[in-house]
N, C-alpha and C. Protein backbone atom coordinates (compact mmCIF):
# COMPACT_ATOMS: atom_id res chain seq x y z
N UNK A 1 -12.79 18.35 21.42
CA UNK A 1 -13.03 19.80 21.67
C UNK A 1 -14.16 20.06 22.51
N UNK A 2 -14.17 20.89 23.53
CA UNK A 2 -15.15 21.22 24.41
C UNK A 2 -16.23 21.94 23.68
N UNK A 3 -17.47 21.55 23.90
CA UNK A 3 -18.66 22.22 23.21
C UNK A 3 -19.65 22.51 24.34
N UNK A 4 -20.19 23.85 24.26
CA UNK A 4 -21.09 24.36 25.26
C UNK A 4 -22.37 24.71 24.56
N UNK A 5 -23.48 24.29 24.98
CA UNK A 5 -24.72 24.68 24.44
C UNK A 5 -25.74 25.14 25.49
N UNK A 6 -26.01 26.50 25.51
CA UNK A 6 -26.87 27.08 26.50
C UNK A 6 -28.20 27.13 26.00
N UNK A 7 -29.19 26.97 26.90
CA UNK A 7 -30.58 27.13 26.52
C UNK A 7 -31.48 27.62 27.74
N UNK A 8 -32.70 27.88 27.53
CA UNK A 8 -33.58 28.34 28.57
C UNK A 8 -33.92 29.82 28.75
N UNK A 9 -33.34 30.62 27.93
CA UNK A 9 -33.49 32.02 28.02
C UNK A 9 -34.95 32.37 27.53
N UNK A 10 -35.30 33.61 27.62
CA UNK A 10 -36.60 34.09 27.17
C UNK A 10 -36.91 35.46 27.60
N UNK A 11 -38.18 35.76 27.36
CA UNK A 11 -38.67 37.17 27.78
C UNK A 11 -39.49 36.96 29.10
N UNK A 12 -39.27 37.67 30.05
CA UNK A 12 -39.96 37.54 31.32
C UNK A 12 -40.13 39.00 31.94
N UNK A 13 -41.20 39.09 32.73
CA UNK A 13 -41.45 40.36 33.40
C UNK A 13 -40.55 40.49 34.61
N UNK A 14 -40.34 41.62 35.04
CA UNK A 14 -39.53 41.87 36.29
C UNK A 14 -40.21 41.12 37.48
N UNK A 15 -39.39 40.51 38.22
CA UNK A 15 -39.86 39.67 39.29
C UNK A 15 -40.07 38.22 39.01
N UNK A 16 -40.00 38.01 37.75
CA UNK A 16 -40.17 36.61 37.29
C UNK A 16 -38.91 35.73 37.39
N UNK A 17 -39.07 34.47 36.89
CA UNK A 17 -37.95 33.55 36.99
C UNK A 17 -37.58 32.86 35.70
N UNK A 18 -36.46 32.41 35.62
CA UNK A 18 -36.05 31.53 34.52
C UNK A 18 -34.97 30.54 35.05
N UNK A 19 -34.87 29.44 34.30
CA UNK A 19 -33.83 28.57 34.64
C UNK A 19 -33.05 28.17 33.26
N UNK A 20 -31.78 28.50 33.32
CA UNK A 20 -30.94 28.32 32.21
C UNK A 20 -30.15 26.96 32.39
N UNK A 21 -29.93 26.23 31.26
CA UNK A 21 -29.13 25.08 31.17
C UNK A 21 -27.93 25.25 30.22
N UNK A 22 -26.88 24.46 30.62
CA UNK A 22 -25.66 24.47 29.69
C UNK A 22 -25.30 23.04 29.64
N UNK A 23 -25.39 22.45 28.45
CA UNK A 23 -24.89 21.01 28.18
C UNK A 23 -23.50 21.18 27.73
N UNK A 24 -22.64 20.43 28.39
CA UNK A 24 -21.16 20.44 28.16
C UNK A 24 -20.68 19.07 27.63
N UNK A 25 -19.84 19.10 26.57
CA UNK A 25 -19.35 17.90 26.11
C UNK A 25 -17.87 18.09 25.71
N UNK A 26 -17.09 16.98 25.60
CA UNK A 26 -15.75 17.08 25.22
C UNK A 26 -14.81 17.32 26.26
N UNK A 27 -15.19 17.06 27.52
CA UNK A 27 -14.24 17.21 28.70
C UNK A 27 -14.76 16.36 29.79
N UNK A 28 -13.97 16.25 30.81
CA UNK A 28 -14.41 15.43 31.97
C UNK A 28 -15.14 16.42 32.94
N UNK A 29 -16.45 16.58 32.66
CA UNK A 29 -17.23 17.54 33.27
C UNK A 29 -17.04 17.54 34.76
N UNK A 30 -17.15 16.40 35.36
CA UNK A 30 -17.42 16.29 36.76
C UNK A 30 -16.22 16.92 37.57
N UNK A 31 -15.05 17.07 37.00
CA UNK A 31 -13.91 17.66 37.71
C UNK A 31 -13.69 19.06 37.39
N UNK A 32 -14.49 19.63 36.55
CA UNK A 32 -14.28 21.05 36.14
C UNK A 32 -15.11 22.02 36.97
N UNK A 33 -14.50 23.16 37.24
CA UNK A 33 -15.14 24.26 37.82
C UNK A 33 -15.99 24.93 36.60
N UNK A 34 -17.23 25.25 36.74
CA UNK A 34 -17.99 25.83 35.68
C UNK A 34 -18.51 27.22 36.15
N UNK A 35 -18.78 28.01 35.19
CA UNK A 35 -19.29 29.36 35.49
C UNK A 35 -20.24 29.87 34.49
N UNK A 36 -21.09 30.72 34.93
CA UNK A 36 -22.01 31.40 34.04
C UNK A 36 -21.59 32.91 34.00
N UNK A 37 -21.57 33.42 32.70
CA UNK A 37 -21.27 34.86 32.34
C UNK A 37 -22.39 35.48 31.67
N UNK A 38 -22.44 36.81 31.56
CA UNK A 38 -23.43 37.41 30.85
C UNK A 38 -22.84 38.63 30.12
N UNK A 39 -23.55 39.05 28.95
CA UNK A 39 -22.97 40.13 28.23
C UNK A 39 -24.33 40.98 27.85
N UNK A 40 -24.37 42.14 28.48
CA UNK A 40 -25.49 43.07 28.16
C UNK A 40 -25.12 43.88 26.91
N UNK A 41 -26.09 44.46 26.17
CA UNK A 41 -25.91 45.29 25.00
C UNK A 41 -24.77 46.42 25.33
N UNK A 42 -23.81 46.54 24.49
CA UNK A 42 -22.92 47.61 24.76
C UNK A 42 -21.91 47.50 25.86
N UNK A 43 -21.95 46.24 26.52
CA UNK A 43 -21.05 46.10 27.72
C UNK A 43 -20.20 44.85 27.46
N UNK A 44 -19.10 44.82 28.30
CA UNK A 44 -18.26 43.60 28.31
C UNK A 44 -18.88 42.43 28.92
N UNK A 45 -18.50 41.21 28.61
CA UNK A 45 -18.96 40.03 29.23
C UNK A 45 -18.43 40.11 30.72
N UNK A 46 -19.34 39.73 31.61
CA UNK A 46 -19.04 39.79 32.97
C UNK A 46 -19.44 38.38 33.55
N UNK A 47 -18.62 38.06 34.67
CA UNK A 47 -18.86 36.89 35.46
C UNK A 47 -20.10 37.06 36.30
N UNK A 48 -20.86 35.94 36.44
CA UNK A 48 -22.01 35.95 37.18
C UNK A 48 -21.94 34.92 38.40
N UNK A 49 -21.65 33.70 38.11
CA UNK A 49 -21.56 32.75 39.23
C UNK A 49 -20.74 31.58 38.77
N UNK A 50 -20.17 30.76 39.75
CA UNK A 50 -19.39 29.54 39.48
C UNK A 50 -19.57 28.57 40.47
N UNK A 51 -19.33 27.33 40.07
CA UNK A 51 -19.54 26.16 40.85
C UNK A 51 -18.34 25.13 40.71
N UNK A 52 -17.74 24.77 41.84
CA UNK A 52 -16.58 23.85 41.71
C UNK A 52 -17.17 22.35 41.51
N UNK A 53 -16.15 21.43 41.38
CA UNK A 53 -16.46 20.04 41.18
C UNK A 53 -17.14 19.51 42.53
N UNK A 54 -16.83 20.08 43.60
CA UNK A 54 -17.37 19.71 44.87
C UNK A 54 -18.62 20.37 45.32
N UNK A 55 -19.09 21.38 44.42
CA UNK A 55 -20.36 21.98 44.70
C UNK A 55 -20.25 23.38 45.40
N UNK A 56 -18.98 23.83 45.56
CA UNK A 56 -18.89 25.14 46.24
C UNK A 56 -19.27 26.23 45.18
N UNK A 57 -20.03 27.26 45.66
CA UNK A 57 -20.52 28.28 44.79
C UNK A 57 -20.04 29.63 45.03
N UNK A 58 -20.01 30.45 44.09
CA UNK A 58 -19.58 31.86 44.27
C UNK A 58 -20.50 32.67 43.30
N UNK A 59 -20.85 33.90 43.92
CA UNK A 59 -21.71 34.79 42.97
C UNK A 59 -21.20 36.25 43.03
N UNK A 60 -21.51 36.82 41.93
CA UNK A 60 -21.26 38.34 41.89
C UNK A 60 -22.24 38.90 42.77
N UNK A 61 -21.91 40.06 43.39
CA UNK A 61 -22.81 40.64 44.46
C UNK A 61 -24.12 40.95 43.90
N UNK A 62 -24.32 41.45 42.63
CA UNK A 62 -25.59 41.89 42.11
C UNK A 62 -26.62 40.75 41.97
N UNK A 63 -26.17 39.44 42.01
CA UNK A 63 -27.11 38.38 41.93
C UNK A 63 -27.17 37.55 43.11
N UNK A 64 -26.42 37.86 44.15
CA UNK A 64 -26.52 37.06 45.42
C UNK A 64 -27.99 37.06 45.98
N UNK A 65 -28.37 35.92 46.38
CA UNK A 65 -29.79 35.77 46.98
C UNK A 65 -30.95 35.70 45.94
N UNK A 66 -30.57 35.85 44.66
CA UNK A 66 -31.51 35.76 43.62
C UNK A 66 -31.26 34.62 42.60
N UNK A 67 -29.97 34.42 42.36
CA UNK A 67 -29.60 33.36 41.40
C UNK A 67 -28.89 32.21 42.19
N UNK A 68 -29.18 30.99 41.67
CA UNK A 68 -28.50 29.79 42.17
C UNK A 68 -27.94 29.01 41.06
N UNK A 69 -26.61 28.65 41.12
CA UNK A 69 -26.00 27.80 40.19
C UNK A 69 -25.92 26.37 40.79
N UNK A 70 -26.07 25.41 39.87
CA UNK A 70 -26.08 24.03 40.27
C UNK A 70 -25.54 23.27 39.06
N UNK A 71 -25.26 22.02 39.38
CA UNK A 71 -24.75 21.11 38.37
C UNK A 71 -25.27 19.64 38.53
N UNK A 72 -25.38 18.90 37.37
CA UNK A 72 -25.72 17.55 37.40
C UNK A 72 -24.68 16.76 36.72
N UNK A 73 -23.78 16.16 37.39
CA UNK A 73 -22.64 15.56 36.76
C UNK A 73 -23.03 14.22 35.94
N UNK A 74 -24.31 13.69 36.21
CA UNK A 74 -24.70 12.64 35.46
C UNK A 74 -25.22 13.08 34.03
N UNK A 75 -25.48 14.34 33.84
CA UNK A 75 -26.01 14.86 32.64
C UNK A 75 -25.03 15.89 32.00
N UNK A 76 -23.85 16.05 32.63
CA UNK A 76 -22.87 17.01 32.08
C UNK A 76 -23.58 18.33 31.85
N UNK A 77 -24.32 18.79 32.80
CA UNK A 77 -25.06 20.03 32.64
C UNK A 77 -24.93 20.91 33.88
N UNK A 78 -24.85 22.24 33.61
CA UNK A 78 -24.80 23.14 34.63
C UNK A 78 -26.02 24.02 34.41
N UNK A 79 -26.56 24.44 35.60
CA UNK A 79 -27.85 25.25 35.59
C UNK A 79 -27.64 26.67 36.30
N UNK A 80 -28.51 27.58 35.88
CA UNK A 80 -28.57 28.85 36.65
C UNK A 80 -30.02 29.14 36.88
N UNK A 81 -30.48 29.00 38.16
CA UNK A 81 -31.89 29.32 38.37
C UNK A 81 -31.90 30.81 38.75
N UNK A 82 -32.69 31.63 38.07
CA UNK A 82 -32.71 33.09 38.22
C UNK A 82 -34.09 33.44 38.73
N UNK A 83 -34.13 33.94 39.90
CA UNK A 83 -35.44 34.46 40.54
C UNK A 83 -35.40 35.94 40.69
N UNK A 84 -36.45 36.58 40.96
CA UNK A 84 -36.56 38.08 41.21
C UNK A 84 -35.83 38.75 40.13
N UNK A 85 -36.06 38.44 38.92
CA UNK A 85 -35.30 39.03 37.82
C UNK A 85 -35.57 40.57 37.74
N UNK A 86 -34.61 41.23 37.26
CA UNK A 86 -34.64 42.72 37.22
C UNK A 86 -34.27 43.19 35.73
N UNK A 87 -34.76 44.33 35.22
CA UNK A 87 -34.39 44.73 33.89
C UNK A 87 -32.89 44.70 33.68
N UNK A 88 -32.14 45.02 34.68
CA UNK A 88 -30.72 45.03 34.51
C UNK A 88 -30.04 43.65 34.40
N UNK A 89 -30.88 42.59 34.53
CA UNK A 89 -30.39 41.29 34.26
C UNK A 89 -30.45 40.87 32.81
N UNK A 90 -31.13 41.78 31.97
CA UNK A 90 -31.18 41.53 30.53
C UNK A 90 -29.76 41.45 29.90
N UNK A 91 -29.54 40.30 29.23
CA UNK A 91 -28.28 39.97 28.67
C UNK A 91 -28.25 38.71 27.95
N UNK A 92 -27.22 38.45 27.18
CA UNK A 92 -27.03 37.07 26.68
C UNK A 92 -26.18 36.29 27.68
N UNK A 93 -26.65 35.20 28.18
CA UNK A 93 -25.96 34.46 29.13
C UNK A 93 -25.16 33.23 28.52
N UNK A 94 -23.89 33.05 29.03
CA UNK A 94 -23.01 32.02 28.48
C UNK A 94 -22.46 31.26 29.68
N UNK A 95 -22.11 29.99 29.36
CA UNK A 95 -21.40 29.22 30.39
C UNK A 95 -20.04 28.84 29.77
N UNK A 96 -19.21 28.61 30.74
CA UNK A 96 -17.82 28.14 30.33
C UNK A 96 -17.01 27.64 31.45
N UNK A 97 -15.90 27.04 31.21
CA UNK A 97 -15.04 26.56 32.25
C UNK A 97 -14.28 27.68 32.83
N UNK A 98 -13.90 27.63 34.02
CA UNK A 98 -13.08 28.65 34.72
C UNK A 98 -11.67 28.61 34.20
N UNK A 99 -11.17 27.38 34.17
CA UNK A 99 -9.75 27.12 33.70
C UNK A 99 -9.80 26.52 32.37
N UNK A 100 -8.88 26.89 31.50
CA UNK A 100 -8.82 26.28 30.11
C UNK A 100 -10.17 26.67 29.39
N UNK A 101 -10.50 27.90 29.33
CA UNK A 101 -11.70 28.44 28.78
C UNK A 101 -11.92 27.88 27.44
N UNK A 102 -13.09 27.43 27.12
CA UNK A 102 -13.47 26.83 25.83
C UNK A 102 -13.99 27.71 24.80
N UNK A 103 -14.11 27.38 23.63
CA UNK A 103 -14.73 28.34 22.62
C UNK A 103 -16.18 28.62 23.14
N UNK A 104 -16.55 29.91 23.02
CA UNK A 104 -17.82 30.23 23.62
C UNK A 104 -19.00 29.68 22.76
N UNK A 105 -20.11 29.30 23.45
CA UNK A 105 -21.21 28.91 22.71
C UNK A 105 -22.01 30.03 22.24
N UNK A 106 -23.22 29.74 21.79
CA UNK A 106 -24.06 30.87 21.21
C UNK A 106 -24.66 31.71 22.26
N UNK A 107 -24.76 31.11 23.54
CA UNK A 107 -25.51 31.88 24.59
C UNK A 107 -26.92 31.75 24.50
N UNK A 108 -27.63 32.32 25.50
CA UNK A 108 -29.10 32.28 25.53
C UNK A 108 -29.52 33.68 26.03
N UNK A 109 -30.45 34.23 25.21
CA UNK A 109 -30.91 35.62 25.51
C UNK A 109 -31.88 35.63 26.63
N UNK A 110 -31.66 36.46 27.58
CA UNK A 110 -32.55 36.74 28.69
C UNK A 110 -33.03 38.24 28.58
N UNK A 111 -34.33 38.43 28.51
CA UNK A 111 -34.79 39.82 28.45
C UNK A 111 -35.88 39.97 29.55
N UNK A 112 -35.63 40.88 30.42
CA UNK A 112 -36.51 41.19 31.63
C UNK A 112 -37.17 42.54 31.34
N UNK A 113 -38.44 42.45 31.21
CA UNK A 113 -39.20 43.83 30.96
C UNK A 113 -39.61 44.47 32.36
N UNK A 114 -39.69 45.72 32.33
CA UNK A 114 -40.04 46.46 33.48
C UNK A 114 -41.51 46.33 33.82
């Protein structure tokens, strides 16, 4: 069974940076398209960014130019580098597969203060 373990969240001031990590097990990671999602208080979970097995990336408009998704297939890990953070980026961040969505992990809390 696929397992997802997110880490790297924290409290940061607006304009700051964080790097999230997601360790993936139970699947052939290198061939999977991976994505980051987030869920803010009182809102539905939303897509943030994705990366294919070949390294092609896609971002939601609100994070373009500020966030960078990457992957290390030797470590079965996907990353989200978040720069120029804004209070509206505050959310619990999750990773998952795009296809054959796995059980969601616990996520990692990102809080951006004004």
